[in-house]
Protein backbone atom coordinates (compact mmCIF):
# COMPACT_ATOMS: atom_id res chain seq x y z
CA MET A 1 120.64 115.53 127.77
CA LYS A 2 116.93 116.52 128.29
CA THR A 3 117.61 119.63 126.14
CA LEU A 4 118.99 117.58 123.36
CA LEU A 5 116.12 115.15 123.42
CA ALA A 6 113.65 118.02 123.39
CA LEU A 7 115.55 119.58 120.43
CA LEU A 8 115.47 116.25 118.51
CA ALA A 9 111.75 115.82 119.28
CA LEU A 10 111.09 119.26 117.67
CA LEU A 11 113.25 118.56 114.60
CA LEU A 12 111.80 115.05 113.88
CA PRO A 13 108.99 115.14 111.30
CA LEU A 14 105.52 114.55 112.64
CA PRO A 15 103.21 112.05 110.82
CA LEU A 16 101.14 113.85 108.28
CA ALA A 17 98.14 111.53 108.47
CA VAL A 18 96.76 108.93 110.92
CA PRO A 19 95.88 105.73 109.16
CA PRO A 20 92.29 104.74 109.23
CA ALA A 21 91.12 102.67 112.22
CA SER A 22 90.13 99.98 109.85
CA GLY A 23 93.69 99.72 108.56
CA GLN A 24 92.44 100.33 105.06
CA PRO A 25 93.90 103.41 103.33
CA LEU A 26 91.72 105.40 100.99
CA PRO A 27 92.28 104.66 97.42
CA GLU A 28 93.84 107.48 95.39
CA ILE A 29 91.25 109.51 93.64
CA PRO A 30 92.11 110.19 89.97
CA THR A 31 91.59 113.61 88.39
CA ILE A 32 89.82 113.40 84.96
CA THR A 33 91.27 115.79 82.47
CA VAL A 34 88.38 117.07 80.33
CA PRO A 35 89.47 118.33 76.83
CA PRO A 36 87.03 120.51 74.84
CA ALA A 37 85.34 117.42 73.27
CA GLY A 38 84.73 115.89 76.56
CA ALA A 39 86.02 112.82 78.50
CA ALA A 40 84.80 109.37 79.09
CA VAL A 41 85.89 106.87 81.84
CA THR A 42 85.05 103.26 81.94
CA GLY A 43 84.91 101.46 85.31
CA LYS A 44 83.43 98.60 87.21
CA LEU A 45 81.78 98.23 90.51
CA GLY A 46 81.03 95.33 92.85
CA PRO A 47 77.75 95.23 94.82
CA GLY A 48 77.59 98.31 97.13
CA GLY A 49 80.85 99.65 95.56
CA ARG A 50 81.86 103.26 95.05
CA ASN A 51 84.38 104.79 92.64
CA LEU A 52 85.45 108.41 92.97
CA TYR A 53 86.80 110.93 90.47
CA TYR A 54 87.86 114.60 90.63
CA VAL A 55 87.17 117.15 87.88
CA SER A 56 88.89 120.60 88.04
CA ALA A 57 86.30 123.23 87.08
CA GLN A 58 86.22 127.04 87.04
CA SER A 59 83.59 129.17 88.87
CA LEU A 60 80.34 129.33 86.86
CA GLN A 61 81.50 126.73 84.30
CA ALA A 62 78.79 124.40 82.98
CA LEU A 63 79.41 120.81 83.90
CA ALA A 64 77.52 117.86 82.20
CA VAL A 65 77.79 114.22 83.49
CA THR A 66 76.19 111.16 81.90
CA LEU A 67 76.39 107.63 83.32
CA THR A 68 75.55 104.46 81.41
CA SER A 69 75.85 101.06 83.01
CA ALA A 70 74.90 97.52 82.30
CA GLY A 71 71.35 96.99 83.60
CA ASN A 72 71.29 100.65 84.87
CA LEU A 73 72.88 99.43 88.08
CA ALA A 74 74.96 102.55 88.85
CA VAL A 75 74.18 106.06 89.84
CA PHE A 76 76.24 109.11 90.54
CA GLN A 77 76.53 112.22 92.65
CA VAL A 78 78.35 115.49 91.91
CA TYR A 79 79.80 117.35 94.94
CA GLY A 80 81.06 120.86 94.73
CA PRO A 81 84.57 121.96 95.50
CA GLY A 82 85.60 121.33 99.20
CA ALA A 83 83.88 117.85 99.53
CA LEU A 84 85.98 115.67 101.88
CA VAL A 85 86.50 111.84 101.65
CA ALA A 86 87.19 109.65 104.61
CA PRO A 87 87.19 105.87 105.19
CA GLY A 88 83.75 104.49 105.70
CA SER A 89 82.88 101.96 108.40
CA ASP A 90 81.70 99.56 105.73
CA GLY A 91 84.93 99.95 103.56
CA VAL A 92 83.10 102.30 101.11
CA PRO A 93 84.65 105.86 101.09
CA ALA A 94 82.43 108.34 102.91
CA ILE A 95 81.83 111.82 101.57
CA THR A 96 81.16 114.97 103.53
CA GLY A 97 80.17 117.91 101.49
CA THR A 98 77.34 119.54 99.47
CA THR A 99 76.11 117.97 96.18
CA LEU A 100 75.30 120.24 93.43
CA THR A 101 71.62 121.01 92.73
CA ASP A 102 69.78 117.94 91.50
CA ALA A 103 73.04 115.80 91.60
CA GLY A 104 72.58 114.08 94.97
CA ALA A 105 71.94 110.62 96.17
CA LYS A 106 68.21 111.15 96.52
CA ASP A 107 68.12 112.39 92.84
CA ALA A 108 69.88 109.26 91.55
CA PRO A 109 70.81 110.96 88.34
CA LEU A 110 71.99 109.05 85.14
CA ALA A 111 72.41 112.37 83.41
CA TRP A 112 73.00 115.82 84.90
CA MET A 113 73.96 119.34 83.88
CA GLY A 114 74.67 122.27 86.20
CA VAL A 115 76.87 125.15 86.93
CA VAL A 116 79.90 124.92 89.24
CA PRO A 117 79.52 127.58 91.96
CA GLN A 118 83.16 128.16 92.65
CA SER A 119 86.60 127.09 91.20
CA GLY A 120 88.20 123.99 92.47
CA LEU A 121 87.95 120.12 92.33
CA CYS A 122 84.48 118.71 92.02
CA LEU A 123 84.03 115.14 93.20
CA ILE A 124 81.93 112.62 91.25
CA ALA A 125 80.94 109.48 93.13
CA VAL A 126 79.73 106.54 91.04
CA ASP A 127 77.76 103.97 93.20
CA SER A 128 76.42 100.54 92.66
CA LYS A 129 72.62 100.34 93.15
CA ALA A 130 72.59 96.52 93.48
CA GLY A 131 74.92 93.94 91.83
CA PRO A 132 78.16 94.28 89.94
CA THR A 133 78.25 96.48 86.84
CA ILE A 134 80.44 97.98 84.16
CA TYR A 135 79.83 101.66 83.52
CA THR A 136 81.08 104.58 81.36
CA LEU A 137 81.02 108.02 82.91
CA SER A 138 81.01 110.91 80.29
CA ILE A 139 81.97 114.41 81.36
CA GLN A 140 81.83 117.73 79.50
CA LEU A 141 82.94 121.22 80.72
CA GLN A 142 81.93 124.44 78.90
């Protein structure tokens, strides 16, 4: 009987992920498809909110990002491929990874252009600086 139980334990699937301690799952992060003419996404943020987007880019491809928001209440960051997202203690997704040059939180860019260092999914985080706002995120790849 012990052998049968041990065998069943090996055959039963293990959970793939442990739910966050807060009980709040991470929202699914959409991947923006960028056609040759560019792409634009409209979104809204509450105070202290964060929206995340992936953009698939190739090594040494130029990436340009522009953000417009009501009252300039939103900023963005661009992370290179390999950035990780985890639940934040305050309910806002936390990001671990390296931002691309001049596209970090301290830079608070509203427009940015740079080169992607390696192929993969770049992560764009749009954050509220203060109150609620509606924004348009424009992206071009060359």
